[in-house]
Amino acid sequence: MILVNTDYVSGKDLETIGLVKGSTIQSKNIGKDILQGLKTIIGGELKGYTEMMNEARALATKRMVQEAEQMGADAVVNIRYSSAAIMQNAAEVIAYGTAVKFK
């Protein structure tokens, strides 16, 4: 499966199949939340939350690819990511794009 954030794949003629998306809502455990909260006092990267968001993007991407494969796609183009706070210390990540077949 080819994944790109452009609206084309070099050297390929594309046939649009449709929108595909994947999402997840992630949070960290209370211990990590406390440690990350203390980190905000002194500043610096909140590595626990960085890891959480990386895991969430990977899972959302995986779910988007699974949906594209079920549709018989060869690639997903114009991939975008979006995130939003759902509640304190929990975030939703959505990956979406256009499933295409090669002509």
PDB file of N, CA and C in Angstrom:
ATOM      1  N   MET A   1       0.857  -1.176   0.000  1.00  0.00           N
ATOM      2  CA  MET A   1       0.000   0.000   0.000  1.00  0.00           C
ATOM      3  C   MET A   1       0.896   1.230   0.000  1.00  0.00           C
ATOM      4  N   ILE A   2       0.665   2.106  -0.954  1.00  0.00           N
ATOM      5  CA  ILE A   2       1.406   3.359  -1.046  1.00  0.00           C
ATOM      6  C   ILE A   2       0.611   4.435  -0.311  1.00  0.00           C
ATOM      7  N   LEU A   3       1.292   5.183   0.558  1.00  0.00           N
ATOM      8  CA  LEU A   3       0.670   6.258   1.332  1.00  0.00           C
ATOM      9  C   LEU A   3       1.407   7.553   1.033  1.00  0.00           C
ATOM     10  N   VAL A   4       0.679   8.557   0.551  1.00  0.00           N
ATOM     11  CA  VAL A   4       1.303   9.850   0.251  1.00  0.00           C
ATOM     12  C   VAL A   4       0.400  10.994   0.704  1.00  0.00           C
ATOM     13  N   ASN A   5       1.021  12.142   0.974  1.00  0.00           N
ATOM     14  CA  ASN A   5       0.218  13.303   1.346  1.00  0.00           C
ATOM     15  C   ASN A   5       0.009  14.240   0.163  1.00  0.00           C
ATOM     16  N   THR A   6       0.343  13.792  -1.040  1.00  0.00           N
ATOM     17  CA  THR A   6       0.063  14.532  -2.261  1.00  0.00           C
ATOM     18  C   THR A   6      -1.209  13.974  -2.884  1.00  0.00           C
ATOM     19  N   ASP A   7      -1.742  14.645  -3.890  1.00  0.00           N
ATOM     20  CA  ASP A   7      -2.958  14.147  -4.529  1.00  0.00           C
ATOM     21  C   ASP A   7      -2.648  13.289  -5.751  1.00  0.00           C
ATOM     22  N   TYR A   8      -1.409  12.806  -5.856  1.00  0.00           N
ATOM     23  CA  TYR A   8      -1.008  11.954  -6.972  1.00  0.00           C
ATOM     24  C   TYR A   8       0.082  10.986  -6.512  1.00  0.00           C
ATOM     25  N   VAL A   9       0.320   9.967  -7.307  1.00  0.00           N
ATOM     26  CA  VAL A   9       1.457   9.063  -7.139  1.00  0.00           C
ATOM     27  C   VAL A   9       2.244   9.167  -8.444  1.00  0.00           C
ATOM     28  N   SER A  10       3.493   9.565  -8.369  1.00  0.00           N
ATOM     29  CA  SER A  10       4.303   9.792  -9.575  1.00  0.00           C
ATOM     30  C   SER A  10       4.246   8.604 -10.525  1.00  0.00           C
ATOM     31  N   GLY A  11       3.954   8.917 -11.791  1.00  0.00           N
ATOM     32  CA  GLY A  11       3.965   7.901 -12.831  1.00  0.00           C
ATOM     33  C   GLY A  11       2.744   7.000 -12.869  1.00  0.00           C
ATOM     34  N   LYS A  12       1.726   7.288 -12.077  1.00  0.00           N
ATOM     35  CA  LYS A  12       0.533   6.438 -12.019  1.00  0.00           C
ATOM     36  C   LYS A  12      -0.712   7.240 -12.374  1.00  0.00           C
ATOM     37  N   ASP A  13      -1.580   6.632 -13.164  1.00  0.00           N
ATOM     38  CA  ASP A  13      -2.916   7.182 -13.388  1.00  0.00           C
ATOM     39  C   ASP A  13      -3.817   6.595 -12.314  1.00  0.00           C
ATOM     40  N   LEU A  14      -4.607   7.440 -11.688  1.00  0.00           N
ATOM     41  CA  LEU A  14      -5.398   7.019 -10.535  1.00  0.00           C
ATOM     42  C   LEU A  14      -6.890   7.036 -10.814  1.00  0.00           C
ATOM     43  N   GLU A  15      -7.573   6.083 -10.211  1.00  0.00           N
ATOM     44  CA  GLU A  15      -9.032   6.039 -10.208  1.00  0.00           C
ATOM     45  C   GLU A  15      -9.466   6.160  -8.750  1.00  0.00           C
ATOM     46  N   THR A  16     -10.253   7.159  -8.445  1.00  0.00           N
ATOM     47  CA  THR A  16     -10.693   7.393  -7.069  1.00  0.00           C
ATOM     48  C   THR A  16     -11.712   6.346  -6.645  1.00  0.00           C
ATOM     49  N   ILE A  17     -11.502   5.791  -5.468  1.00  0.00           N
ATOM     50  CA  ILE A  17     -12.462   4.846  -4.884  1.00  0.00           C
ATOM     51  C   ILE A  17     -13.329   5.569  -3.856  1.00  0.00           C
ATOM     52  N   GLY A  18     -12.693   6.296  -2.944  1.00  0.00           N
ATOM     53  CA  GLY A  18     -13.461   7.028  -1.944  1.00  0.00           C
ATOM     54  C   GLY A  18     -12.649   7.383  -0.717  1.00  0.00           C
ATOM     55  N   LEU A  19     -13.301   8.057   0.207  1.00  0.00           N
ATOM     56  CA  LEU A  19     -12.693   8.490   1.456  1.00  0.00           C
ATOM     57  C   LEU A  19     -12.433   7.297   2.367  1.00  0.00           C
ATOM     58  N   VAL A  20     -11.267   7.285   3.006  1.00  0.00           N
ATOM     59  CA  VAL A  20     -10.963   6.291   4.036  1.00  0.00           C
ATOM     60  C   VAL A  20     -10.460   7.034   5.264  1.00  0.00           C
ATOM     61  N   LYS A  21     -10.729   6.454   6.422  1.00  0.00           N
ATOM     62  CA  LYS A  21     -10.291   7.097   7.649  1.00  0.00           C
ATOM     63  C   LYS A  21     -10.038   6.059   8.722  1.00  0.00           C
ATOM     64  N   GLY A  22      -9.271   6.459   9.691  1.00  0.00           N
ATOM     65  CA  GLY A  22      -9.009   5.641  10.866  1.00  0.00           C
ATOM     66  C   GLY A  22      -8.872   6.579  12.041  1.00  0.00           C
ATOM     67  N   SER A  23      -9.320   6.137  13.210  1.00  0.00           N
ATOM     68  CA  SER A  23      -9.217   7.012  14.374  1.00  0.00           C
ATOM     69  C   SER A  23      -8.986   6.199  15.636  1.00  0.00           C
ATOM     70  N   THR A  24      -8.543   6.893  16.660  1.00  0.00           N
ATOM     71  CA  THR A  24      -8.366   6.297  17.980  1.00  0.00           C
ATOM     72  C   THR A  24      -8.416   7.416  19.020  1.00  0.00           C
ATOM     73  N   ILE A  25      -8.757   7.040  20.227  1.00  0.00           N
ATOM     74  CA  ILE A  25      -8.689   7.960  21.366  1.00  0.00           C
ATOM     75  C   ILE A  25      -7.720   7.335  22.357  1.00  0.00           C
ATOM     76  N   GLN A  26      -6.723   8.096  22.747  1.00  0.00           N
ATOM     77  CA  GLN A  26      -5.664   7.595  23.610  1.00  0.00           C
ATOM     78  C   GLN A  26      -5.543   8.439  24.874  1.00  0.00           C
ATOM     79  N   SER A  27      -5.099   7.799  25.945  1.00  0.00           N
ATOM     80  CA  SER A  27      -4.757   8.515  27.173  1.00  0.00           C
ATOM     81  C   SER A  27      -3.598   7.791  27.833  1.00  0.00           C
ATOM     82  N   LYS A  28      -2.955   8.441  28.763  1.00  0.00           N
ATOM     83  CA  LYS A  28      -1.874   7.836  29.531  1.00  0.00           C
ATOM     84  C   LYS A  28      -2.408   7.491  30.911  1.00  0.00           C
ATOM     85  N   ASN A  29      -1.720   6.570  31.574  1.00  0.00           N
ATOM     86  CA  ASN A  29      -2.162   6.183  32.919  1.00  0.00           C
ATOM     87  C   ASN A  29      -1.891   7.301  33.926  1.00  0.00           C
ATOM     88  N   ILE A  30      -2.504   7.209  35.064  1.00  0.00           N
ATOM     89  CA  ILE A  30      -2.444   8.264  36.081  1.00  0.00           C
ATOM     90  C   ILE A  30      -1.012   8.553  36.520  1.00  0.00           C
ATOM     91  N   GLY A  31      -0.181   7.530  36.622  1.00  0.00           N
ATOM     92  CA  GLY A  31       1.219   7.735  37.007  1.00  0.00           C
ATOM     93  C   GLY A  31       1.955   8.609  36.017  1.00  0.00           C
ATOM     94  N   LYS A  32       1.772   8.314  34.742  1.00  0.00           N
ATOM     95  CA  LYS A  32       2.432   9.126  33.700  1.00  0.00           C
ATOM     96  C   LYS A  32       1.854  10.541  33.688  1.00  0.00           C
ATOM     97  N   ASP A  33       0.532  10.665  33.909  1.00  0.00           N
ATOM     98  CA  ASP A  33      -0.082  11.988  33.932  1.00  0.00           C
ATOM     99  C   ASP A  33       0.525  12.850  35.030  1.00  0.00           C
ATOM    100  N   ILE A  34       0.739  12.271  36.204  1.00  0.00           N
ATOM    101  CA  ILE A  34       1.322  13.027  37.321  1.00  0.00           C
ATOM    102  C   ILE A  34       2.741  13.469  36.971  1.00  0.00           C
ATOM    103  N   LEU A  35       3.534  12.534  36.436  1.00  0.00           N
ATOM    104  CA  LEU A  35       4.910  12.876  36.064  1.00  0.00           C
ATOM    105  C   LEU A  35       4.956  13.952  34.985  1.00  0.00           C
ATOM    106  N   GLN A  36       4.065  13.854  33.989  1.00  0.00           N
ATOM    107  CA  GLN A  36       4.034  14.854  32.926  1.00  0.00           C
ATOM    108  C   GLN A  36       3.569  16.200  33.474  1.00  0.00           C
ATOM    109  N   GLY A  37       2.639  16.182  34.431  1.00  0.00           N
ATOM    110  CA  GLY A  37       2.185  17.416  35.059  1.00  0.00           C
ATOM    111  C   GLY A  37       3.314  18.115  35.794  1.00  0.00           C
ATOM    112  N   LEU A  38       4.150  17.352  36.478  1.00  0.00           N
ATOM    113  CA  LEU A  38       5.303  17.932  37.165  1.00  0.00           C
ATOM    114  C   LEU A  38       6.301  18.509  36.168  1.00  0.00           C
ATOM    115  N   LYS A  39       6.433  17.864  35.037  1.00  0.00           N
ATOM    116  CA  LYS A  39       7.358  18.326  34.001  1.00  0.00           C
ATOM    117  C   LYS A  39       6.963  19.708  33.481  1.00  0.00           C
ATOM    118  N   THR A  40       5.666  20.026  33.485  1.00  0.00           N
ATOM    119  CA  THR A  40       5.235  21.338  32.992  1.00  0.00           C
ATOM    120  C   THR A  40       5.744  22.470  33.877  1.00  0.00           C
ATOM    121  N   ILE A  41       6.085  22.167  35.112  1.00  0.00           N
ATOM    122  CA  ILE A  41       6.591  23.196  36.028  1.00  0.00           C
ATOM    123  C   ILE A  41       7.976  23.660  35.589  1.00  0.00           C
ATOM    124  N   ILE A  42       8.824  22.714  35.172  1.00  0.00           N
ATOM    125  CA  ILE A  42      10.197  23.080  34.797  1.00  0.00           C
ATOM    126  C   ILE A  42      10.374  23.269  33.297  1.00  0.00           C
ATOM    127  N   GLY A  43       9.404  22.804  32.520  1.00  0.00           N
ATOM    128  CA  GLY A  43       9.469  22.973  31.073  1.00  0.00           C
ATOM    129  C   GLY A  43      10.180  21.821  30.382  1.00  0.00           C
ATOM    130  N   GLY A  44      10.107  21.820  29.090  1.00  0.00           N
ATOM    131  CA  GLY A  44      10.746  20.781  28.295  1.00  0.00           C
ATOM    132  C   GLY A  44       9.714  19.885  27.628  1.00  0.00           C
ATOM    133  N   GLU A  45      10.219  18.951  26.840  1.00  0.00           N
ATOM    134  CA  GLU A  45       9.341  18.035  26.109  1.00  0.00           C
ATOM    135  C   GLU A  45       8.634  17.083  27.063  1.00  0.00           C
ATOM    136  N   LEU A  46       7.362  16.867  26.805  1.00  0.00           N
ATOM    137  CA  LEU A  46       6.566  15.902  27.568  1.00  0.00           C
ATOM    138  C   LEU A  46       6.633  14.579  26.808  1.00  0.00           C
ATOM    139  N   LYS A  47       7.699  13.835  27.047  1.00  0.00           N
ATOM    140  CA  LYS A  47       7.984  12.636  26.256  1.00  0.00           C
ATOM    141  C   LYS A  47       6.877  11.589  26.344  1.00  0.00           C
ATOM    142  N   GLY A  48       6.246  11.458  27.488  1.00  0.00           N
ATOM    143  CA  GLY A  48       5.150  10.506  27.630  1.00  0.00           C
ATOM    144  C   GLY A  48       3.998  10.830  26.684  1.00  0.00           C
ATOM    145  N   TYR A  49       3.692  12.121  26.540  1.00  0.00           N
ATOM    146  CA  TYR A  49       2.618  12.522  25.640  1.00  0.00           C
ATOM    147  C   TYR A  49       3.059  12.459  24.184  1.00  0.00           C
ATOM    148  N   THR A  50       4.334  12.733  23.938  1.00  0.00           N
ATOM    149  CA  THR A  50       4.851  12.582  22.570  1.00  0.00           C
ATOM    150  C   THR A  50       4.711  11.130  22.128  1.00  0.00           C
ATOM    151  N   GLU A  51       5.087  10.199  22.989  1.00  0.00           N
ATOM    152  CA  GLU A  51       4.942   8.771  22.690  1.00  0.00           C
ATOM    153  C   GLU A  51       3.483   8.404  22.466  1.00  0.00           C
ATOM    154  N   MET A  52       2.604   8.927  23.319  1.00  0.00           N
ATOM    155  CA  MET A  52       1.178   8.634  23.198  1.00  0.00           C
ATOM    156  C   MET A  52       0.647   9.087  21.839  1.00  0.00           C
ATOM    157  N   MET A  53       1.019  10.289  21.415  1.00  0.00           N
ATOM    158  CA  MET A  53       0.524  10.809  20.142  1.00  0.00           C
ATOM    159  C   MET A  53       1.123  10.048  18.960  1.00  0.00           C
ATOM    160  N   ASN A  54       2.388   9.654  19.059  1.00  0.00           N
ATOM    161  CA  ASN A  54       2.996   8.840  17.997  1.00  0.00           C
ATOM    162  C   ASN A  54       2.285   7.497  17.870  1.00  0.00           C
ATOM    163  N   GLU A  55       1.985   6.868  19.007  1.00  0.00           N
ATOM    164  CA  GLU A  55       1.250   5.596  18.994  1.00  0.00           C
ATOM    165  C   GLU A  55      -0.145   5.789  18.405  1.00  0.00           C
ATOM    166  N   ALA A  56      -0.798   6.873  18.771  1.00  0.00           N
ATOM    167  CA  ALA A  56      -2.147   7.147  18.272  1.00  0.00           C
ATOM    168  C   ALA A  56      -2.143   7.369  16.759  1.00  0.00           C
ATOM    169  N   ARG A  57      -1.168   8.126  16.251  1.00  0.00           N
ATOM    170  CA  ARG A  57      -1.083   8.347  14.795  1.00  0.00           C
ATOM    171  C   ARG A  57      -0.828   7.038  14.062  1.00  0.00           C
ATOM    172  N   ALA A  58       0.048   6.198  14.622  1.00  0.00           N
ATOM    173  CA  ALA A  58       0.345   4.909  13.982  1.00  0.00           C
ATOM    174  C   ALA A  58      -0.900   4.024  13.941  1.00  0.00           C
ATOM    175  N   LEU A  59      -1.658   3.990  15.023  1.00  0.00           N
ATOM    176  CA  LEU A  59      -2.867   3.163  15.064  1.00  0.00           C
ATOM    177  C   LEU A  59      -3.940   3.708  14.124  1.00  0.00           C
ATOM    178  N   ALA A  60      -4.110   5.019  14.099  1.00  0.00           N
ATOM    179  CA  ALA A  60      -5.088   5.624  13.187  1.00  0.00           C
ATOM    180  C   ALA A  60      -4.713   5.342  11.731  1.00  0.00           C
ATOM    181  N   THR A  61      -3.425   5.431  11.415  1.00  0.00           N
ATOM    182  CA  THR A  61      -2.956   5.131  10.058  1.00  0.00           C
ATOM    183  C   THR A  61      -3.223   3.672   9.709  1.00  0.00           C
ATOM    184  N   LYS A  62      -2.927   2.781  10.631  1.00  0.00           N
ATOM    185  CA  LYS A  62      -3.164   1.347  10.404  1.00  0.00           C
ATOM    186  C   LYS A  62      -4.640   1.087  10.106  1.00  0.00           C
ATOM    187  N   ARG A  63      -5.526   1.703  10.851  1.00  0.00           N
ATOM    188  CA  ARG A  63      -6.963   1.505  10.639  1.00  0.00           C
ATOM    189  C   ARG A  63      -7.417   2.099   9.303  1.00  0.00           C
ATOM    190  N   MET A  64      -6.831   3.225   8.904  1.00  0.00           N
ATOM    191  CA  MET A  64      -7.154   3.811   7.613  1.00  0.00           C
ATOM    192  C   MET A  64      -6.712   2.878   6.488  1.00  0.00           C
ATOM    193  N   VAL A  65      -5.509   2.320   6.595  1.00  0.00           N
ATOM    194  CA  VAL A  65      -4.988   1.401   5.578  1.00  0.00           C
ATOM    195  C   VAL A  65      -5.859   0.153   5.490  1.00  0.00           C
ATOM    196  N   GLN A  66      -6.291  -0.381   6.627  1.00  0.00           N
ATOM    197  CA  GLN A  66      -7.165  -1.559   6.627  1.00  0.00           C
ATOM    198  C   GLN A  66      -8.461  -1.266   5.873  1.00  0.00           C
ATOM    199  N   GLU A  67      -9.020  -0.092   6.090  1.00  0.00           N
ATOM    200  CA  GLU A  67     -10.251   0.286   5.380  1.00  0.00           C
ATOM    201  C   GLU A  67      -9.986   0.382   3.879  1.00  0.00           C
ATOM    202  N   ALA A  68      -8.849   0.968   3.503  1.00  0.00           N
ATOM    203  CA  ALA A  68      -8.497   1.090   2.084  1.00  0.00           C
ATOM    204  C   ALA A  68      -8.300  -0.291   1.453  1.00  0.00           C
ATOM    205  N   GLU A  69      -7.652  -1.203   2.158  1.00  0.00           N
ATOM    206  CA  GLU A  69      -7.439  -2.558   1.644  1.00  0.00           C
ATOM    207  C   GLU A  69      -8.765  -3.281   1.429  1.00  0.00           C
ATOM    208  N   GLN A  70      -9.712  -3.082   2.336  1.00  0.00           N
ATOM    209  CA  GLN A  70     -11.032  -3.699   2.192  1.00  0.00           C
ATOM    210  C   GLN A  70     -11.762  -3.169   0.958  1.00  0.00           C
ATOM    211  N   MET A  71     -11.427  -1.968   0.529  1.00  0.00           N
ATOM    212  CA  MET A  71     -12.047  -1.374  -0.657  1.00  0.00           C
ATOM    213  C   MET A  71     -11.293  -1.752  -1.931  1.00  0.00           C
ATOM    214  N   GLY A  72     -10.180  -2.468  -1.791  1.00  0.00           N
ATOM    215  CA  GLY A  72      -9.393  -2.873  -2.943  1.00  0.00           C
ATOM    216  C   GLY A  72      -8.449  -1.803  -3.463  1.00  0.00           C
ATOM    217  N   ALA A  73      -8.060  -0.869  -2.614  1.00  0.00           N
ATOM    218  CA  ALA A  73      -7.201   0.240  -3.028  1.00  0.00           C
ATOM    219  C   ALA A  73      -5.752  -0.212  -3.195  1.00  0.00           C
ATOM    220  N   ASP A  74      -5.058   0.488  -4.087  1.00  0.00           N
ATOM    221  CA  ASP A  74      -3.623   0.301  -4.264  1.00  0.00           C
ATOM    222  C   ASP A  74      -2.824   1.336  -3.479  1.00  0.00           C
ATOM    223  N   ALA A  75      -3.473   2.455  -3.164  1.00  0.00           N
ATOM    224  CA  ALA A  75      -2.794   3.548  -2.472  1.00  0.00           C
ATOM    225  C   ALA A  75      -3.821   4.430  -1.764  1.00  0.00           C
ATOM    226  N   VAL A  76      -3.319   5.252  -0.856  1.00  0.00           N
ATOM    227  CA  VAL A  76      -4.124   6.306  -0.241  1.00  0.00           C
ATOM    228  C   VAL A  76      -3.369   7.608  -0.486  1.00  0.00           C
ATOM    229  N   VAL A  77      -4.042   8.554  -1.116  1.00  0.00           N
ATOM    230  CA  VAL A  77      -3.420   9.838  -1.436  1.00  0.00           C
ATOM    231  C   VAL A  77      -4.043  10.948  -0.592  1.00  0.00           C
ATOM    232  N   ASN A  78      -3.349  12.075  -0.561  1.00  0.00           N
ATOM    233  CA  ASN A  78      -3.840  13.260   0.142  1.00  0.00           C
ATOM    234  C   ASN A  78      -4.125  12.976   1.614  1.00  0.00           C
ATOM    235  N   ILE A  79      -3.234  12.227   2.254  1.00  0.00           N
ATOM    236  CA  ILE A  79      -3.420  11.845   3.661  1.00  0.00           C
ATOM    237  C   ILE A  79      -3.255  13.063   4.561  1.00  0.00           C
ATOM    238  N   ARG A  80      -4.151  13.171   5.514  1.00  0.00           N
ATOM    239  CA  ARG A  80      -4.118  14.237   6.506  1.00  0.00           C
ATOM    240  C   ARG A  80      -4.341  13.638   7.887  1.00  0.00           C
ATOM    241  N   TYR A  81      -3.874  14.360   8.898  1.00  0.00           N
ATOM    242  CA  TYR A  81      -4.086  13.973  10.291  1.00  0.00           C
ATOM    243  C   TYR A  81      -4.737  15.126  11.021  1.00  0.00           C
ATOM    244  N   SER A  82      -5.561  14.786  11.988  1.00  0.00           N
ATOM    245  CA  SER A  82      -6.188  15.787  12.828  1.00  0.00           C
ATOM    246  C   SER A  82      -6.231  15.233  14.246  1.00  0.00           C
ATOM    247  N   SER A  83      -6.122  16.106  15.216  1.00  0.00           N
ATOM    248  CA  SER A  83      -6.237  15.661  16.604  1.00  0.00           C
ATOM    249  C   SER A  83      -7.070  16.663  17.384  1.00  0.00           C
ATOM    250  N   ALA A  84      -7.689  16.165  18.433  1.00  0.00           N
ATOM    251  CA  ALA A  84      -8.524  17.016  19.275  1.00  0.00           C
ATOM    252  C   ALA A  84      -8.534  16.461  20.687  1.00  0.00           C
ATOM    253  N   ALA A  85      -8.613  17.336  21.653  1.00  0.00           N
ATOM    254  CA  ALA A  85      -8.751  16.915  23.045  1.00  0.00           C
ATOM    255  C   ALA A  85     -10.193  16.469  23.261  1.00  0.00           C
ATOM    256  N   ILE A  86     -10.359  15.281  23.781  1.00  0.00           N
ATOM    257  CA  ILE A  86     -11.688  14.735  24.050  1.00  0.00           C
ATOM    258  C   ILE A  86     -12.101  15.051  25.489  1.00  0.00           C
ATOM    259  N   MET A  87     -11.163  14.889  26.381  1.00  0.00           N
ATOM    260  CA  MET A  87     -11.335  15.214  27.791  1.00  0.00           C
ATOM    261  C   MET A  87      -9.940  15.469  28.340  1.00  0.00           C
ATOM    262  N   GLN A  88      -9.824  15.843  29.584  1.00  0.00           N
ATOM    263  CA  GLN A  88      -8.500  16.101  30.148  1.00  0.00           C
ATOM    264  C   GLN A  88      -7.633  14.856  30.018  1.00  0.00           C
ATOM    265  N   ASN A  89      -6.453  15.014  29.446  1.00  0.00           N
ATOM    266  CA  ASN A  89      -5.454  13.956  29.290  1.00  0.00           C
ATOM    267  C   ASN A  89      -5.854  12.849  28.308  1.00  0.00           C
ATOM    268  N   ALA A  90      -6.793  13.121  27.410  1.00  0.00           N
ATOM    269  CA  ALA A  90      -7.154  12.152  26.369  1.00  0.00           C
ATOM    270  C   ALA A  90      -7.293  12.901  25.049  1.00  0.00           C
ATOM    271  N   ALA A  91      -6.767  12.283  23.982  1.00  0.00           N
ATOM    272  CA  ALA A  91      -6.800  12.928  22.668  1.00  0.00           C
ATOM    273  C   ALA A  91      -7.287  11.954  21.612  1.00  0.00           C
ATOM    274  N   GLU A  92      -8.050  12.486  20.663  1.00  0.00           N
ATOM    275  CA  GLU A  92      -8.470  11.709  19.505  1.00  0.00           C
ATOM    276  C   GLU A  92      -7.556  12.073  18.344  1.00  0.00           C
ATOM    277  N   VAL A  93      -7.122  11.069  17.607  1.00  0.00           N
ATOM    278  CA  VAL A  93      -6.344  11.289  16.395  1.00  0.00           C
ATOM    279  C   VAL A  93      -7.095  10.635  15.246  1.00  0.00           C
ATOM    280  N   ILE A  94      -7.252  11.369  14.153  1.00  0.00           N
ATOM    281  CA  ILE A  94      -7.909  10.859  12.952  1.00  0.00           C
ATOM    282  C   ILE A  94      -6.927  10.968  11.791  1.00  0.00           C
ATOM    283  N   ALA A  95      -6.808   9.882  11.035  1.00  0.00           N
ATOM    284  CA  ALA A  95      -6.053   9.886   9.788  1.00  0.00           C
ATOM    285  C   ALA A  95      -7.080   9.680   8.669  1.00  0.00           C
ATOM    286  N   TYR A  96      -6.985  10.480   7.617  1.00  0.00           N
ATOM    287  CA  TYR A  96      -7.940  10.311   6.519  1.00  0.00           C
ATOM    288  C   TYR A  96      -7.274  10.661   5.193  1.00  0.00           C
ATOM    289  N   GLY A  97      -7.823  10.095   4.143  1.00  0.00           N
ATOM    290  CA  GLY A  97      -7.299  10.334   2.805  1.00  0.00           C
ATOM    291  C   GLY A  97      -8.240   9.748   1.761  1.00  0.00           C
ATOM    292  N   THR A  98      -7.770   9.705   0.522  1.00  0.00           N
ATOM    293  CA  THR A  98      -8.563   9.205  -0.594  1.00  0.00           C
ATOM    294  C   THR A  98      -7.968   7.894  -1.071  1.00  0.00           C
ATOM    295  N   ALA A  99      -8.776   6.842  -1.028  1.00  0.00           N
ATOM    296  CA  ALA A  99      -8.345   5.530  -1.533  1.00  0.00           C
ATOM    297  C   ALA A  99      -8.421   5.563  -3.047  1.00  0.00           C
ATOM    298  N   VAL A 100      -7.364   5.035  -3.703  1.00  0.00           N
ATOM    299  CA  VAL A 100      -7.310   5.022  -5.160  1.00  0.00           C
ATOM    300  C   VAL A 100      -6.820   3.663  -5.677  1.00  0.00           C
ATOM    301  N   LYS A 101      -7.185   3.377  -6.916  1.00  0.00           N
ATOM    302  CA  LYS A 101      -6.653   2.211  -7.638  1.00  0.00           C
ATOM    303  C   LYS A 101      -5.817   2.734  -8.793  1.00  0.00           C
ATOM    304  N   PHE A 102      -4.822   1.951  -9.182  1.00  0.00           N
ATOM    305  CA  PHE A 102      -4.018   2.317 -10.335  1.00  0.00           C
ATOM    306  C   PHE A 102      -4.733   1.841 -11.600  1.00  0.00           C
ATOM    307  N   LYS A 103      -4.747   2.684 -12.636  1.00  0.00           N
ATOM    308  CA  LYS A 103      -5.377   2.312 -13.910  1.00  0.00           C
ATOM    309  C   LYS A 103      -4.425   1.449 -14.721  1.00  0.00           C
TER     310      LYS A 103
END
